[in-house]
N, C-alpha and C. Protein backbone atom coordinates (compact mmCIF):
# COMPACT_ATOMS: atom_id res chain seq x y z
N MET A 1 -25.32 35.30 21.38
CA MET A 1 -25.08 34.62 22.64
C MET A 1 -24.42 33.26 22.42
N TYR A 2 -24.82 32.56 21.35
CA TYR A 2 -24.23 31.24 21.09
C TYR A 2 -22.73 31.35 20.87
N LEU A 3 -22.33 32.35 20.08
CA LEU A 3 -20.92 32.53 19.77
C LEU A 3 -20.12 32.90 21.01
N LEU A 4 -20.66 33.78 21.83
CA LEU A 4 -19.95 34.18 23.04
C LEU A 4 -19.82 33.05 24.04
N ARG A 5 -20.82 32.20 24.09
CA ARG A 5 -20.81 31.12 25.09
C ARG A 5 -19.80 30.03 24.79
N GLY A 6 -19.73 29.61 23.55
CA GLY A 6 -18.85 28.47 23.29
C GLY A 6 -18.29 28.40 21.89
N GLY A 7 -18.22 29.50 21.17
CA GLY A 7 -17.68 29.44 19.82
C GLY A 7 -18.64 28.84 18.80
N LEU A 8 -19.90 28.80 19.13
CA LEU A 8 -20.96 28.26 18.28
C LEU A 8 -20.77 26.81 17.88
N PRO A 9 -20.76 25.91 18.87
CA PRO A 9 -20.75 24.49 18.51
C PRO A 9 -22.06 24.13 17.80
N TRP A 10 -21.99 23.25 16.86
CA TRP A 10 -23.17 22.89 16.07
C TRP A 10 -24.31 22.40 16.95
N ARG A 11 -24.02 21.71 18.02
CA ARG A 11 -25.08 21.13 18.85
C ARG A 11 -25.86 22.20 19.64
N MET A 12 -25.36 23.43 19.69
CA MET A 12 -26.05 24.49 20.43
C MET A 12 -27.05 25.27 19.57
N LEU A 13 -27.18 24.95 18.29
CA LEU A 13 -28.16 25.65 17.45
C LEU A 13 -29.57 25.32 17.95
N PRO A 14 -30.45 26.32 18.02
CA PRO A 14 -31.81 26.06 18.49
C PRO A 14 -32.54 25.06 17.58
N PRO A 15 -33.07 23.99 18.13
CA PRO A 15 -33.66 22.94 17.30
C PRO A 15 -34.92 23.36 16.55
N ARG A 16 -35.66 24.31 17.04
CA ARG A 16 -36.90 24.72 16.35
C ARG A 16 -36.61 25.73 15.24
N THR A 17 -35.42 26.30 15.24
CA THR A 17 -35.06 27.32 14.27
C THR A 17 -34.23 26.78 13.12
N PHE A 18 -33.41 25.77 13.39
CA PHE A 18 -32.49 25.22 12.41
C PHE A 18 -32.76 23.74 12.18
N PRO A 19 -32.34 23.24 11.02
CA PRO A 19 -32.41 21.78 10.82
C PRO A 19 -31.41 21.09 11.74
N PRO A 20 -31.32 19.76 11.70
CA PRO A 20 -30.35 19.07 12.56
C PRO A 20 -28.94 19.61 12.36
N ALA A 21 -28.16 19.60 13.42
CA ALA A 21 -26.81 20.18 13.39
C ALA A 21 -25.95 19.55 12.31
N THR A 22 -26.10 18.27 12.06
CA THR A 22 -25.28 17.63 11.03
C THR A 22 -25.61 18.17 9.64
N THR A 23 -26.86 18.52 9.40
CA THR A 23 -27.25 19.11 8.12
C THR A 23 -26.66 20.50 7.96
N VAL A 24 -26.75 21.31 9.00
CA VAL A 24 -26.19 22.66 8.96
C VAL A 24 -24.68 22.59 8.74
N GLN A 25 -24.03 21.71 9.46
CA GLN A 25 -22.58 21.55 9.35
C GLN A 25 -22.19 21.11 7.93
N HIS A 26 -22.96 20.18 7.38
CA HIS A 26 -22.69 19.70 6.02
C HIS A 26 -22.73 20.85 5.02
N TYR A 27 -23.79 21.66 5.06
CA TYR A 27 -23.90 22.77 4.11
C TYR A 27 -22.85 23.84 4.36
N PHE A 28 -22.51 24.11 5.60
CA PHE A 28 -21.46 25.08 5.90
C PHE A 28 -20.15 24.66 5.24
N TYR A 29 -19.75 23.40 5.45
CA TYR A 29 -18.49 22.91 4.88
C TYR A 29 -18.56 22.84 3.36
N LEU A 30 -19.69 22.45 2.81
CA LEU A 30 -19.85 22.41 1.37
C LEU A 30 -19.68 23.79 0.76
N TRP A 31 -20.37 24.79 1.32
CA TRP A 31 -20.27 26.15 0.81
C TRP A 31 -18.87 26.72 1.00
N ARG A 32 -18.21 26.34 2.12
CA ARG A 32 -16.83 26.77 2.34
C ARG A 32 -15.92 26.20 1.26
N ASP A 33 -16.06 24.91 0.99
CA ASP A 33 -15.21 24.25 0.01
C ASP A 33 -15.46 24.77 -1.41
N LEU A 34 -16.67 25.19 -1.70
CA LEU A 34 -17.00 25.75 -3.01
C LEU A 34 -16.62 27.22 -3.13
N GLY A 35 -16.22 27.83 -2.03
CA GLY A 35 -15.83 29.24 -2.04
C GLY A 35 -17.00 30.20 -2.11
N LEU A 36 -18.16 29.79 -1.61
CA LEU A 36 -19.35 30.63 -1.68
C LEU A 36 -19.42 31.70 -0.60
N TRP A 37 -18.73 31.52 0.52
CA TRP A 37 -18.86 32.49 1.61
C TRP A 37 -18.43 33.90 1.22
N PRO A 38 -17.34 34.09 0.48
CA PRO A 38 -17.01 35.46 0.06
C PRO A 38 -18.09 36.08 -0.84
N SER A 39 -18.71 35.26 -1.69
CA SER A 39 -19.79 35.78 -2.56
C SER A 39 -21.01 36.16 -1.73
N ILE A 40 -21.36 35.32 -0.77
CA ILE A 40 -22.50 35.62 0.10
C ILE A 40 -22.23 36.89 0.89
N ASN A 41 -21.03 37.00 1.45
CA ASN A 41 -20.68 38.20 2.20
C ASN A 41 -20.74 39.45 1.33
N HIS A 42 -20.23 39.37 0.13
CA HIS A 42 -20.26 40.52 -0.79
C HIS A 42 -21.68 40.94 -1.10
N ALA A 43 -22.55 39.95 -1.37
CA ALA A 43 -23.95 40.26 -1.69
C ALA A 43 -24.64 40.94 -0.50
N LEU A 44 -24.34 40.50 0.70
CA LEU A 44 -24.96 41.11 1.88
C LEU A 44 -24.43 42.51 2.16
N VAL A 45 -23.16 42.72 1.91
CA VAL A 45 -22.57 44.04 2.17
C VAL A 45 -23.06 45.06 1.16
N THR A 46 -23.23 44.66 -0.08
CA THR A 46 -23.63 45.61 -1.12
C THR A 46 -25.14 45.77 -1.24
N ALA A 47 -25.90 44.97 -0.52
CA ALA A 47 -27.36 45.06 -0.62
C ALA A 47 -27.90 46.28 0.08
């Protein structure tokens, strides 16, 4: 629902489920810059 509503802005993450939006955003960009997302995706697809 978050993605359909507004493209998943960081501020729309449920506060009781996720850490602060700035923390989530920081790790997302860090993992993107390190190239970890393809590895994570591969591990999930092959599991």
